[in-house]
Amino acid sequence: MNCTISFVMPVYNAEAVLSATLDSIVAQDDGSFEIICVDDGSTDGSGDILHRYASEHPFIHVISQNNQGITAARNAALPHAVGTWICFIDNDDILAAQAVRTIREYADESCDIVYFDYERFSDDAPDQAGNEVKGSEVLHANDIVKLQSDCINRFRDNHPLIPHSVLPTPWAKVYRREFLQQYGLTFRNEVTHEEDVVFNFEVLAHVRKAMRIAYTLYYYRWSVKSESHRYRPQISENVEHTLNAYEDIIGRLYPDRKDIAELYQYRVLWELLYCVYLGPMHIHNPRSYRQRRADFQELLRRERFKSALRNVSTFRFEPLQSVLSTLIKMRQFWLLNIIGKVVYNIR
């Protein structure tokens, strides 16, 4: 049987949950898929687990490298993939019990990308009762144009064709491998913040036909301690790389899209929110109040952020983001500092 799916899994210090993730795929072995695991310099027992599974299952391949981050780990796996479809899975999540069969039976190989649904779980295992295919639709022409703008659109009144929880992630979908190869589409190693959004934004510029299948393919292990909530001292530098990537992609692939140009300005404001939320106002920031206020003021002096605050409305996001961005525009760091304490205590 030809290889239909190449599962790509970056692995880093996941020994507590890694076996559950692997088991969710291995249990579906029908000779139609491979699993390419990249041990990204793990310092726990993850490497031993990977090699044990590889010794028991010939369709599991392990690549080991020094720690370089999740984007480099995914990129390291891509040249080794031989499946019709590429399916990314993180090392702590769970693949749906009938995912392999569903992809093989329903994914249209004339499409460049096929979207599915996902659900969050926080217990030992997700509840998969009643998970079945409930329909599908093909997306092309104006639908693709809408997907492209949806990818970076965070307006509260936007109604995306694909939910924003799925559209910009690398998981809960499959990419046609030859399509990725044709356009040389990989993750940008220098982008470590919103690398998933950047990747999909670039991918969508080349997509001509897509598909959505109403089926929960992926179960995401959710935790308030996840990367998206922790204090990140390098967040402003990381955001600069992200914004540089957006500008490069827009300049090359969306040069005549006025809607994309407008959305980018709002995206700059969105990234400023990240910088403040995960930086100066974060409860785990060890710097003094005076130092954090100075860091906040330095952010607002950056030309990109000054331009966004000057030219776009702060009231088009969801209520919390609108309030925070308005307070940032008003330079009310004392109040942002209080909100930071309240938010993180609630979490």
C-alpha atoms as a PDB file:
ATOM      1  CA  MET A   1       0.000   0.000   0.000  1.00  0.00           C
ATOM      2  CA  ASN A   2       1.297   3.467  -0.889  1.00  0.00           C
ATOM      3  CA  CYS A   3       1.993   5.901   1.932  1.00  0.00           C
ATOM      4  CA  THR A   4      -1.043   8.148   2.197  1.00  0.00           C
ATOM      5  CA  ILE A   5      -0.135  10.212   5.257  1.00  0.00           C
ATOM      6  CA  SER A   6       3.126  11.425   6.730  1.00  0.00           C
ATOM      7  CA  PHE A   7       2.581  12.442  10.348  1.00  0.00           C
ATOM      8  CA  VAL A   8       5.183  15.007  11.369  1.00  0.00           C
ATOM      9  CA  MET A   9       5.794  15.317  15.102  1.00  0.00           C
ATOM     10  CA  PRO A  10       8.318  17.666  16.753  1.00  0.00           C
ATOM     11  CA  VAL A  11       9.235  16.349  20.196  1.00  0.00           C
ATOM     12  CA  TYR A  12      10.757  18.193  23.126  1.00  0.00           C
ATOM     13  CA  ASN A  13      10.689  17.029  26.766  1.00  0.00           C
ATOM     14  CA  ALA A  14       7.303  15.338  26.512  1.00  0.00           C
ATOM     15  CA  GLU A  15       7.949  12.003  28.250  1.00  0.00           C
ATOM     16  CA  ALA A  16       4.831  12.273  30.452  1.00  0.00           C
ATOM     17  CA  VAL A  17       2.398  12.392  27.508  1.00  0.00           C
ATOM     18  CA  LEU A  18       4.387  11.276  24.468  1.00  0.00           C
ATOM     19  CA  SER A  19       3.310   7.622  24.602  1.00  0.00           C
ATOM     20  CA  ALA A  20      -0.370   8.606  24.594  1.00  0.00           C
ATOM     21  CA  THR A  21       0.168  10.746  21.510  1.00  0.00           C
ATOM     22  CA  LEU A  22       2.058   8.017  19.670  1.00  0.00           C
ATOM     23  CA  ASP A  23      -0.459   5.360  20.707  1.00  0.00           C
ATOM     24  CA  SER A  24      -3.319   7.398  19.246  1.00  0.00           C
ATOM     25  CA  ILE A  25      -1.649   7.096  15.822  1.00  0.00           C
ATOM     26  CA  VAL A  26      -0.074   3.645  16.113  1.00  0.00           C
ATOM     27  CA  ALA A  27      -3.436   2.122  17.019  1.00  0.00           C
ATOM     28  CA  GLN A  28      -4.635   3.010  13.503  1.00  0.00           C
ATOM     29  CA  ASP A  29      -1.827   1.197  11.681  1.00  0.00           C
ATOM     30  CA  ASP A  30      -3.150  -0.087   8.363  1.00  0.00           C
ATOM     31  CA  GLY A  31       0.067   0.170   6.387  1.00  0.00           C
ATOM     32  CA  SER A  32      -0.893   3.518   4.845  1.00  0.00           C
ATOM     33  CA  PHE A  33       1.084   6.012   6.924  1.00  0.00           C
ATOM     34  CA  GLU A  34       4.414   6.908   8.461  1.00  0.00           C
ATOM     35  CA  ILE A  35       5.332   8.914  11.538  1.00  0.00           C
ATOM     36  CA  ILE A  36       8.392  11.152  11.394  1.00  0.00           C
ATOM     37  CA  CYS A  37       9.434  12.264  14.873  1.00  0.00           C
ATOM     38  CA  VAL A  38      12.088  14.901  15.419  1.00  0.00           C
ATOM     39  CA  ASP A  39      13.668  14.815  18.863  1.00  0.00           C
ATOM     40  CA  ASP A  40      14.601  18.469  19.254  1.00  0.00           C
ATOM     41  CA  GLY A  41      17.299  18.047  21.894  1.00  0.00           C
ATOM     42  CA  SER A  42      15.093  16.605  24.638  1.00  0.00           C
ATOM     43  CA  THR A  43      16.758  16.346  28.049  1.00  0.00           C
ATOM     44  CA  ASP A  44      14.216  13.955  29.573  1.00  0.00           C
ATOM     45  CA  GLY A  45      13.264  10.432  28.506  1.00  0.00           C
ATOM     46  CA  SER A  46      11.517  11.448  25.279  1.00  0.00           C
ATOM     47  CA  GLY A  47      14.359  10.200  23.085  1.00  0.00           C
ATOM     48  CA  ASP A  48      14.289   6.759  24.694  1.00  0.00           C
ATOM     49  CA  ILE A  49      10.529   6.529  24.183  1.00  0.00           C
ATOM     50  CA  LEU A  50      10.868   7.464  20.511  1.00  0.00           C
ATOM     51  CA  HIS A  51      13.572   4.889  19.830  1.00  0.00           C
ATOM     52  CA  ARG A  52      11.604   2.187  21.620  1.00  0.00           C
ATOM     53  CA  TYR A  53       8.535   2.869  19.498  1.00  0.00           C
ATOM     54  CA  ALA A  54      10.669   2.999  16.332  1.00  0.00           C
ATOM     55  CA  SER A  55      12.169  -0.402  17.150  1.00  0.00           C
ATOM     56  CA  GLU A  56       8.661  -1.860  17.480  1.00  0.00           C
ATOM     57  CA  HIS A  57       7.056  -0.111  14.494  1.00  0.00           C
ATOM     58  CA  PRO A  58       8.998   0.189  11.216  1.00  0.00           C
ATOM     59  CA  PHE A  59       6.798   3.055  10.001  1.00  0.00           C
ATOM     60  CA  ILE A  60       8.143   5.307  12.783  1.00  0.00           C
ATOM     61  CA  HIS A  61      11.282   7.249  11.899  1.00  0.00           C
ATOM     62  CA  VAL A  62      13.265   9.268  14.430  1.00  0.00           C
ATOM     63  CA  ILE A  63      15.474  12.249  13.647  1.00  0.00           C
ATOM     64  CA  SER A  64      17.593  13.666  16.475  1.00  0.00           C
ATOM     65  CA  GLN A  65      19.009  17.177  16.559  1.00  0.00           C
ATOM     66  CA  ASN A  66      20.238  19.787  18.998  1.00  0.00           C
ATOM     67  CA  ASN A  67      17.494  22.010  20.341  1.00  0.00           C
ATOM     68  CA  GLN A  68      16.522  24.473  17.608  1.00  0.00           C
ATOM     69  CA  GLY A  69      12.835  25.058  18.246  1.00  0.00           C
ATOM     70  CA  ILE A  70       9.581  23.712  16.882  1.00  0.00           C
ATOM     71  CA  THR A  71       9.837  25.348  13.455  1.00  0.00           C
ATOM     72  CA  ALA A  72      13.267  23.875  12.766  1.00  0.00           C
ATOM     73  CA  ALA A  73      12.040  20.484  14.008  1.00  0.00           C
ATOM     74  CA  ARG A  74       9.099  20.490  11.610  1.00  0.00           C
ATOM     75  CA  ASN A  75      11.325  21.603   8.754  1.00  0.00           C
ATOM     76  CA  ALA A  76      13.820  18.825   9.507  1.00  0.00           C
ATOM     77  CA  ALA A  77      11.084  16.232   8.985  1.00  0.00           C
ATOM     78  CA  LEU A  78       9.591  17.559   5.747  1.00  0.00           C
ATOM     79  CA  PRO A  79      12.349  16.403   3.315  1.00  0.00           C
ATOM     80  CA  HIS A  80      11.945  12.838   4.616  1.00  0.00           C
ATOM     81  CA  ALA A  81       8.175  12.666   4.148  1.00  0.00           C
ATOM     82  CA  VAL A  82       6.821  10.503   1.325  1.00  0.00           C
ATOM     83  CA  GLY A  83       3.071  10.541   2.011  1.00  0.00           C
ATOM     84  CA  THR A  84       0.438  12.103  -0.204  1.00  0.00           C
ATOM     85  CA  TRP A  85      -0.602  14.237   2.752  1.00  0.00           C
ATOM     86  CA  ILE A  86       1.402  15.958   5.484  1.00  0.00           C
ATOM     87  CA  CYS A  87      -0.298  15.980   8.871  1.00  0.00           C
ATOM     88  CA  PHE A  88       1.371  17.889  11.713  1.00  0.00           C
ATOM     89  CA  ILE A  89       0.759  16.738  15.269  1.00  0.00           C
ATOM     90  CA  ASP A  90       2.228  18.124  18.479  1.00  0.00           C
ATOM     91  CA  ASN A  91       3.822  15.793  21.018  1.00  0.00           C
ATOM     92  CA  ASP A  92       1.149  16.228  23.695  1.00  0.00           C
ATOM     93  CA  ASP A  93      -2.036  16.040  21.632  1.00  0.00           C
ATOM     94  CA  ILE A  94      -4.244  13.177  20.475  1.00  0.00           C
ATOM     95  CA  LEU A  95      -5.249  12.068  16.990  1.00  0.00           C
ATOM     96  CA  ALA A  96      -8.903  11.059  16.584  1.00  0.00           C
ATOM     97  CA  ALA A  97      -9.505   7.305  16.650  1.00  0.00           C
ATOM     98  CA  GLN A  98     -10.686   7.132  13.023  1.00  0.00           C
ATOM     99  CA  ALA A  99      -8.504   9.915  11.633  1.00  0.00           C
ATOM    100  CA  VAL A 100      -6.465   7.774   9.235  1.00  0.00           C
ATOM    101  CA  ARG A 101      -9.520   6.137   7.704  1.00  0.00           C
ATOM    102  CA  THR A 102     -11.294   9.485   7.427  1.00  0.00           C
ATOM    103  CA  ILE A 103      -8.384  11.154   5.651  1.00  0.00           C
ATOM    104  CA  ARG A 104      -8.017   8.240   3.240  1.00  0.00           C
ATOM    105  CA  GLU A 105     -11.727   8.092   2.410  1.00  0.00           C
ATOM    106  CA  TYR A 106     -12.691  11.766   2.312  1.00  0.00           C
ATOM    107  CA  ALA A 107      -9.655  13.948   1.532  1.00  0.00           C
ATOM    108  CA  ASP A 108      -9.777  15.030  -2.125  1.00  0.00           C
ATOM    109  CA  GLU A 109      -6.305  14.814  -3.660  1.00  0.00           C
ATOM    110  CA  SER A 110      -7.126  17.610  -6.086  1.00  0.00           C
ATOM    111  CA  CYS A 111      -7.135  19.972  -3.084  1.00  0.00           C
ATOM    112  CA  ASP A 112      -4.023  21.648  -1.737  1.00  0.00           C
ATOM    113  CA  ILE A 113      -5.209  21.627   1.847  1.00  0.00           C
ATOM    114  CA  VAL A 114      -8.009  19.890   3.736  1.00  0.00           C
ATOM    115  CA  TYR A 115      -9.379  21.363   6.952  1.00  0.00           C
ATOM    116  CA  PHE A 116     -10.966  19.415   9.802  1.00  0.00           C
ATOM    117  CA  ASP A 117     -12.238  20.357  13.261  1.00  0.00           C
ATOM    118  CA  TYR A 118     -10.564  20.063  16.653  1.00  0.00           C
ATOM    119  CA  GLU A 119     -11.574  19.972  20.307  1.00  0.00           C
ATOM    120  CA  ARG A 120      -9.709  20.845  23.469  1.00  0.00           C
ATOM    121  CA  PHE A 121      -9.275  18.452  26.352  1.00  0.00           C
ATOM    122  CA  SER A 122      -7.577  18.697  29.721  1.00  0.00           C
ATOM    123  CA  ASP A 123      -8.140  15.237  31.209  1.00  0.00           C
ATOM    124  CA  ASP A 124      -6.076  12.114  30.595  1.00  0.00           C
ATOM    125  CA  ALA A 125      -7.960  11.323  27.395  1.00  0.00           C
ATOM    126  CA  PRO A 126     -10.541  13.149  25.273  1.00  0.00           C
ATOM    127  CA  ASP A 127     -14.137  12.018  24.984  1.00  0.00           C
ATOM    128  CA  GLN A 128     -14.566  10.913  21.366  1.00  0.00           C
ATOM    129  CA  ALA A 129     -18.149   9.678  21.610  1.00  0.00           C
ATOM    130  CA  GLY A 130     -20.217  10.588  18.556  1.00  0.00           C
ATOM    131  CA  ASN A 131     -17.270  11.759  16.488  1.00  0.00           C
ATOM    132  CA  GLU A 132     -18.170  11.096  12.865  1.00  0.00           C
ATOM    133  CA  VAL A 133     -18.094  12.863   9.506  1.00  0.00           C
ATOM    134  CA  LYS A 134     -21.053  15.230   9.307  1.00  0.00           C
ATOM    135  CA  GLY A 135     -20.433  16.673   5.859  1.00  0.00           C
ATOM    136  CA  SER A 136     -17.867  18.356   3.624  1.00  0.00           C
ATOM    137  CA  GLU A 137     -17.490  21.266   1.245  1.00  0.00           C
ATOM    138  CA  VAL A 138     -15.019  22.313  -1.439  1.00  0.00           C
ATOM    139  CA  LEU A 139     -13.554  25.826  -1.295  1.00  0.00           C
ATOM    140  CA  HIS A 140     -12.173  27.660  -4.327  1.00  0.00           C
ATOM    141  CA  ALA A 141     -12.096  31.040  -6.103  1.00  0.00           C
ATOM    142  CA  ASN A 142     -13.633  33.701  -3.817  1.00  0.00           C
ATOM    143  CA  ASP A 143     -13.589  31.256  -0.911  1.00  0.00           C
ATOM    144  CA  ILE A 144      -9.786  31.131  -1.079  1.00  0.00           C
ATOM    145  CA  VAL A 145      -9.593  34.928  -1.169  1.00  0.00           C
ATOM    146  CA  LYS A 146     -11.702  34.972   1.991  1.00  0.00           C
ATOM    147  CA  LEU A 147      -9.505  32.354   3.679  1.00  0.00           C
ATOM    148  CA  GLN A 148      -6.431  34.440   2.942  1.00  0.00           C
ATOM    149  CA  SER A 149      -7.817  37.488   4.721  1.00  0.00           C
ATOM    150  CA  ASP A 150      -9.397  35.396   7.487  1.00  0.00           C
ATOM    151  CA  CYS A 151      -5.962  34.049   8.396  1.00  0.00           C
ATOM    152  CA  ILE A 152      -4.832  37.384   9.858  1.00  0.00           C
ATOM    153  CA  ASN A 153      -8.234  38.933  10.593  1.00  0.00           C
ATOM    154  CA  ARG A 154      -9.094  39.235  14.308  1.00  0.00           C
ATOM    155  CA  PHE A 155     -12.060  41.608  14.007  1.00  0.00           C
ATOM    156  CA  ARG A 156     -14.930  40.615  16.278  1.00  0.00           C
ATOM    157  CA  ASP A 157     -17.482  41.085  13.457  1.00  0.00           C
ATOM    158  CA  ASN A 158     -15.619  38.854  11.006  1.00  0.00           C
ATOM    159  CA  HIS A 159     -17.207  35.504  10.178  1.00  0.00           C
ATOM    160  CA  PRO A 160     -14.383  33.273   8.926  1.00  0.00           C
ATOM    161  CA  LEU A 161     -15.087  30.349   6.603  1.00  0.00           C
ATOM    162  CA  ILE A 162     -12.863  28.207   8.813  1.00  0.00           C
ATOM    163  CA  PRO A 163     -12.883  28.945  12.573  1.00  0.00           C
ATOM    164  CA  HIS A 164      -9.882  30.985  13.647  1.00  0.00           C
ATOM    165  CA  SER A 165      -9.018  28.307  16.187  1.00  0.00           C
ATOM    166  CA  VAL A 166      -8.183  25.995  13.244  1.00  0.00           C
ATOM    167  CA  LEU A 167      -7.365  28.150  10.205  1.00  0.00           C
ATOM    168  CA  PRO A 168      -3.908  29.452  11.248  1.00  0.00           C
ATOM    169  CA  THR A 169      -2.650  26.355  13.087  1.00  0.00           C
ATOM    170  CA  PRO A 170      -0.540  23.622  11.434  1.00  0.00           C
ATOM    171  CA  TRP A 171      -2.664  20.868  12.967  1.00  0.00           C
ATOM    172  CA  ALA A 172      -6.297  19.750  12.463  1.00  0.00           C
ATOM    173  CA  LYS A 173      -5.657  19.730   8.736  1.00  0.00           C
ATOM    174  CA  VAL A 174      -3.612  17.983   6.055  1.00  0.00           C
ATOM    175  CA  TYR A 175      -1.456  19.575   3.362  1.00  0.00           C
ATOM    176  CA  ARG A 176      -0.775  17.936   0.027  1.00  0.00           C
ATOM    177  CA  ARG A 177       2.948  17.188   0.114  1.00  0.00           C
ATOM    178  CA  GLU A 178       3.599  17.878  -3.587  1.00  0.00           C
ATOM    179  CA  PHE A 179       1.892  21.260  -3.213  1.00  0.00           C
ATOM    180  CA  LEU A 180       4.225  22.246  -0.351  1.00  0.00           C
ATOM    181  CA  GLN A 181       7.223  21.052  -2.358  1.00  0.00           C
ATOM    182  CA  GLN A 182       6.132  22.861  -5.517  1.00  0.00           C
ATOM    183  CA  TYR A 183       6.278  26.238  -3.797  1.00  0.00           C
ATOM    184  CA  GLY A 184       9.064  25.446  -1.334  1.00  0.00           C
ATOM    185  CA  LEU A 185       6.758  26.072   1.625  1.00  0.00           C
ATOM    186  CA  THR A 186       8.383  25.541   5.002  1.00  0.00           C
ATOM    187  CA  PHE A 187       8.325  27.223   8.396  1.00  0.00           C
ATOM    188  CA  ARG A 188      10.572  30.239   8.910  1.00  0.00           C
ATOM    189  CA  ASN A 189      13.207  29.312  11.469  1.00  0.00           C
ATOM    190  CA  GLU A 190      13.655  32.903  12.611  1.00  0.00           C
ATOM    191  CA  VAL A 191       9.945  33.242  13.446  1.00  0.00           C
ATOM    192  CA  THR A 192       9.164  31.846  16.886  1.00  0.00           C
ATOM    193  CA  HIS A 193       6.037  33.873  17.648  1.00  0.00           C
ATOM    194  CA  GLU A 194       2.915  33.081  15.589  1.00  0.00           C
ATOM    195  CA  GLU A 195       5.052  30.873  13.348  1.00  0.00           C
ATOM    196  CA  ASP A 196       1.908  28.859  12.575  1.00  0.00           C
ATOM    197  CA  VAL A 197      -0.040  31.894  11.365  1.00  0.00           C
ATOM    198  CA  VAL A 198       2.878  33.084   9.248  1.00  0.00           C
ATOM    199  CA  PHE A 199       3.234  29.635   7.673  1.00  0.00           C
ATOM    200  CA  ASN A 200      -0.449  29.327   6.796  1.00  0.00           C
ATOM    201  CA  PHE A 201      -0.674  32.906   5.556  1.00  0.00           C
ATOM    202  CA  GLU A 202       2.096  32.132   3.067  1.00  0.00           C
ATOM    203  CA  VAL A 203       0.615  28.732   2.184  1.00  0.00           C
ATOM    204  CA  LEU A 204      -2.799  30.226   1.445  1.00  0.00           C
ATOM    205  CA  ALA A 205      -1.304  32.630  -1.087  1.00  0.00           C
ATOM    206  CA  HIS A 206      -0.655  29.604  -3.326  1.00  0.00           C
ATOM    207  CA  VAL A 207      -3.778  27.541  -2.619  1.00  0.00           C
ATOM    208  CA  ARG A 208      -6.184  27.156  -5.523  1.00  0.00           C
ATOM    209  CA  LYS A 209      -8.579  24.612  -4.082  1.00  0.00           C
ATOM    210  CA  ALA A 210      -9.278  23.534  -0.512  1.00  0.00           C
ATOM    211  CA  MET A 211     -11.747  21.376   1.345  1.00  0.00           C
ATOM    212  CA  ARG A 212     -13.404  21.332   4.726  1.00  0.00           C
ATOM    213  CA  ILE A 213     -14.554  18.098   6.354  1.00  0.00           C
ATOM    214  CA  ALA A 214     -16.837  18.346   9.385  1.00  0.00           C
ATOM    215  CA  TYR A 215     -15.016  15.837  11.547  1.00  0.00           C
ATOM    216  CA  THR A 216     -12.966  16.275  14.719  1.00  0.00           C
ATOM    217  CA  LEU A 217      -9.557  15.080  13.558  1.00  0.00           C
ATOM    218  CA  TYR A 218      -7.507  16.471  16.414  1.00  0.00           C
ATOM    219  CA  TYR A 219      -7.689  16.787  20.193  1.00  0.00           C
ATOM    220  CA  TYR A 220      -5.623  19.608  21.652  1.00  0.00           C
ATOM    221  CA  ARG A 221      -4.326  19.202  25.200  1.00  0.00           C
ATOM    222  CA  TRP A 222      -5.101  22.561  26.754  1.00  0.00           C
ATOM    223  CA  SER A 223      -3.361  24.144  29.724  1.00  0.00           C
ATOM    224  CA  VAL A 224      -3.227  27.662  31.134  1.00  0.00           C
ATOM    225  CA  LYS A 225       0.500  27.057  31.573  1.00  0.00           C
ATOM    226  CA  SER A 226       0.944  26.764  27.825  1.00  0.00           C
ATOM    227  CA  GLU A 227       3.394  28.805  25.764  1.00  0.00           C
ATOM    228  CA  SER A 228       0.715  31.322  24.820  1.00  0.00           C
ATOM    229  CA  HIS A 229       0.223  32.432  28.451  1.00  0.00           C
ATOM    230  CA  ARG A 230       3.673  32.425  30.024  1.00  0.00           C
ATOM    231  CA  TYR A 231       5.901  35.447  30.593  1.00  0.00           C
ATOM    232  CA  ARG A 232       8.213  35.891  27.630  1.00  0.00           C
ATOM    233  CA  PRO A 233      11.094  38.349  28.147  1.00  0.00           C
ATOM    234  CA  GLN A 234      11.997  38.226  24.437  1.00  0.00           C
ATOM    235  CA  ILE A 235       8.461  38.779  23.151  1.00  0.00           C
ATOM    236  CA  SER A 236       9.120  42.184  21.554  1.00  0.00           C
ATOM    237  CA  GLU A 237      12.110  40.871  19.595  1.00  0.00           C
ATOM    238  CA  ASN A 238      10.105  37.809  18.563  1.00  0.00           C
ATOM    239  CA  VAL A 239       7.257  40.013  17.366  1.00  0.00           C
ATOM    240  CA  GLU A 240       9.664  42.021  15.213  1.00  0.00           C
ATOM    241  CA  HIS A 241      10.599  38.840  13.322  1.00  0.00           C
ATOM    242  CA  THR A 242       6.914  37.997  12.916  1.00  0.00           C
ATOM    243  CA  LEU A 243       6.030  41.418  11.538  1.00  0.00           C
ATOM    244  CA  ASN A 244       9.017  41.323   9.192  1.00  0.00           C
ATOM    245  CA  ALA A 245       7.725  38.005   7.858  1.00  0.00           C
ATOM    246  CA  TYR A 246       4.223  39.413   7.325  1.00  0.00           C
ATOM    247  CA  GLU A 247       5.625  42.372   5.414  1.00  0.00           C
ATOM    248  CA  ASP A 248       7.751  40.110   3.229  1.00  0.00           C
ATOM    249  CA  ILE A 249       4.809  37.808   2.423  1.00  0.00           C
ATOM    250  CA  ILE A 250       2.427  40.684   1.701  1.00  0.00           C
ATOM    251  CA  GLY A 251       4.966  42.458  -0.503  1.00  0.00           C
ATOM    252  CA  ARG A 252       5.672  39.327  -2.579  1.00  0.00           C
ATOM    253  CA  LEU A 253       2.377  37.469  -2.604  1.00  0.00           C
ATOM    254  CA  TYR A 254      -0.407  39.979  -1.812  1.00  0.00           C
ATOM    255  CA  PRO A 255       0.915  43.214  -3.394  1.00  0.00           C
ATOM    256  CA  ASP A 256      -2.440  44.423  -4.746  1.00  0.00           C
ATOM    257  CA  ARG A 257      -4.686  43.376  -1.859  1.00  0.00           C
ATOM    258  CA  LYS A 258      -5.921  46.527  -0.134  1.00  0.00           C
ATOM    259  CA  ASP A 259      -7.882  44.422   2.341  1.00  0.00           C
ATOM    260  CA  ILE A 260      -4.727  42.580   3.365  1.00  0.00           C
ATOM    261  CA  ALA A 261      -2.805  45.863   3.702  1.00  0.00           C
ATOM    262  CA  GLU A 262      -5.494  47.199   6.052  1.00  0.00           C
ATOM    263  CA  LEU A 263      -5.615  43.988   8.061  1.00  0.00           C
ATOM    264  CA  TYR A 264      -1.848  44.102   8.472  1.00  0.00           C
ATOM    265  CA  GLN A 265      -2.109  47.487  10.224  1.00  0.00           C
ATOM    266  CA  TYR A 266      -4.532  45.966  12.693  1.00  0.00           C
ATOM    267  CA  ARG A 267      -2.262  42.958  13.015  1.00  0.00           C
ATOM    268  CA  VAL A 268       0.515  45.304  14.144  1.00  0.00           C
ATOM    269  CA  LEU A 269      -1.768  46.540  16.913  1.00  0.00           C
ATOM    270  CA  TRP A 270      -2.606  42.909  17.774  1.00  0.00           C
ATOM    271  CA  GLU A 271       1.117  42.163  18.095  1.00  0.00           C
ATOM    272  CA  LEU A 272       1.581  45.191  20.340  1.00  0.00           C
ATOM    273  CA  LEU A 273      -1.049  43.650  22.603  1.00  0.00           C
ATOM    274  CA  TYR A 274       1.057  40.492  22.784  1.00  0.00           C
ATOM    275  CA  CYS A 275       4.163  42.506  23.608  1.00  0.00           C
ATOM    276  CA  VAL A 276       2.466  44.284  26.499  1.00  0.00           C
ATOM    277  CA  TYR A 277       0.397  41.321  27.736  1.00  0.00           C
ATOM    278  CA  LEU A 278       3.289  38.845  27.834  1.00  0.00           C
ATOM    279  CA  GLY A 279       5.904  41.424  28.728  1.00  0.00           C
ATOM    280  CA  PRO A 280       5.562  44.545  30.923  1.00  0.00           C
ATOM    281  CA  MET A 281       2.138  43.735  32.416  1.00  0.00           C
ATOM    282  CA  HIS A 282       2.751  40.025  33.058  1.00  0.00           C
ATOM    283  CA  ILE A 283       2.547  39.069  36.718  1.00  0.00           C
ATOM    284  CA  HIS A 284       5.682  36.930  36.444  1.00  0.00           C
ATOM    285  CA  ASN A 285       7.812  39.732  35.016  1.00  0.00           C
ATOM    286  CA  PRO A 286      10.582  40.078  37.658  1.00  0.00           C
ATOM    287  CA  ARG A 287      11.415  43.703  36.842  1.00  0.00           C
ATOM    288  CA  SER A 288      10.293  46.564  39.082  1.00  0.00           C
ATOM    289  CA  TYR A 289       7.162  48.555  38.301  1.00  0.00           C
ATOM    290  CA  ARG A 290       9.298  51.506  37.200  1.00  0.00           C
ATOM    291  CA  GLN A 291      11.355  49.322  34.861  1.00  0.00           C
ATOM    292  CA  ARG A 292       8.281  47.659  33.395  1.00  0.00           C
ATOM    293  CA  ARG A 293       6.653  51.045  32.792  1.00  0.00           C
ATOM    294  CA  ALA A 294       9.808  52.165  30.993  1.00  0.00           C
ATOM    295  CA  ASP A 295       9.720  49.010  28.854  1.00  0.00           C
ATOM    296  CA  PHE A 296       6.081  49.767  28.028  1.00  0.00           C
ATOM    297  CA  GLN A 297       6.922  53.313  26.992  1.00  0.00           C
ATOM    298  CA  GLU A 298       9.807  52.087  24.826  1.00  0.00           C
ATOM    299  CA  LEU A 299       7.420  49.792  22.941  1.00  0.00           C
ATOM    300  CA  LEU A 300       5.141  52.708  22.134  1.00  0.00           C
ATOM    301  CA  ARG A 301       8.060  54.647  20.652  1.00  0.00           C
ATOM    302  CA  ARG A 302       8.662  51.997  17.981  1.00  0.00           C
ATOM    303  CA  GLU A 303       7.600  53.329  14.601  1.00  0.00           C
ATOM    304  CA  ARG A 304       5.446  50.337  13.643  1.00  0.00           C
ATOM    305  CA  PHE A 305       3.454  50.541  16.842  1.00  0.00           C
ATOM    306  CA  LYS A 306       3.217  54.349  16.759  1.00  0.00           C
ATOM    307  CA  SER A 307       1.780  54.151  13.244  1.00  0.00           C
ATOM    308  CA  ALA A 308      -0.784  51.491  14.178  1.00  0.00           C
ATOM    309  CA  LEU A 309      -1.954  53.391  17.264  1.00  0.00           C
ATOM    310  CA  ARG A 310      -2.245  56.544  15.186  1.00  0.00           C
ATOM    311  CA  ASN A 311      -4.045  55.065  12.171  1.00  0.00           C
ATOM    312  CA  VAL A 312      -6.351  52.258  13.295  1.00  0.00           C
ATOM    313  CA  SER A 313      -9.300  51.932  15.659  1.00  0.00           C
ATOM    314  CA  THR A 314      -8.879  50.110  18.951  1.00  0.00           C
ATOM    315  CA  PHE A 315     -12.528  49.025  18.999  1.00  0.00           C
ATOM    316  CA  ARG A 316     -12.695  46.322  16.321  1.00  0.00           C
ATOM    317  CA  PHE A 317     -11.306  43.432  18.384  1.00  0.00           C
ATOM    318  CA  GLU A 318     -13.124  41.331  20.968  1.00  0.00           C
ATOM    319  CA  PRO A 319     -14.074  43.352  24.083  1.00  0.00           C
ATOM    320  CA  LEU A 320     -11.056  42.456  26.249  1.00  0.00           C
ATOM    321  CA  GLN A 321      -8.571  43.131  23.448  1.00  0.00           C
ATOM    322  CA  SER A 322     -10.346  46.400  22.613  1.00  0.00           C
ATOM    323  CA  VAL A 323     -10.133  47.539  26.237  1.00  0.00           C
ATOM    324  CA  LEU A 324      -6.462  46.636  26.504  1.00  0.00           C
ATOM    325  CA  SER A 325      -5.512  48.277  23.217  1.00  0.00           C
ATOM    326  CA  THR A 326      -7.425  51.434  24.191  1.00  0.00           C
ATOM    327  CA  LEU A 327      -5.589  51.591  27.520  1.00  0.00           C
ATOM    328  CA  ILE A 328      -2.303  51.093  25.667  1.00  0.00           C
ATOM    329  CA  LYS A 329      -3.181  53.955  23.311  1.00  0.00           C
ATOM    330  CA  MET A 330      -3.993  56.115  26.339  1.00  0.00           C
ATOM    331  CA  ARG A 331      -0.683  55.035  27.925  1.00  0.00           C
ATOM    332  CA  GLN A 332      -2.432  53.915  31.119  1.00  0.00           C
ATOM    333  CA  PHE A 333       0.195  51.464  32.273  1.00  0.00           C
ATOM    334  CA  TRP A 334      -0.812  51.681  35.935  1.00  0.00           C
ATOM    335  CA  LEU A 335      -4.241  50.282  35.033  1.00  0.00           C
ATOM    336  CA  LEU A 336      -2.800  47.672  32.669  1.00  0.00           C
ATOM    337  CA  ASN A 337      -0.569  46.553  35.530  1.00  0.00           C
ATOM    338  CA  ILE A 338      -3.601  46.022  37.779  1.00  0.00           C
ATOM    339  CA  ILE A 339      -5.473  44.148  35.020  1.00  0.00           C
ATOM    340  CA  GLY A 340      -2.433  41.914  34.546  1.00  0.00           C
ATOM    341  CA  LYS A 341      -2.568  40.870  38.196  1.00  0.00           C
ATOM    342  CA  VAL A 342      -6.302  40.222  38.076  1.00  0.00           C
ATOM    343  CA  VAL A 343      -6.199  38.236  34.818  1.00  0.00           C
ATOM    344  CA  TYR A 344      -3.391  35.935  35.889  1.00  0.00           C
ATOM    345  CA  ASN A 345      -4.874  35.364  39.338  1.00  0.00           C
ATOM    346  CA  ILE A 346      -8.154  34.332  37.681  1.00  0.00           C
ATOM    347  CA  ARG A 347      -6.277  31.907  35.386  1.00  0.00           C
END
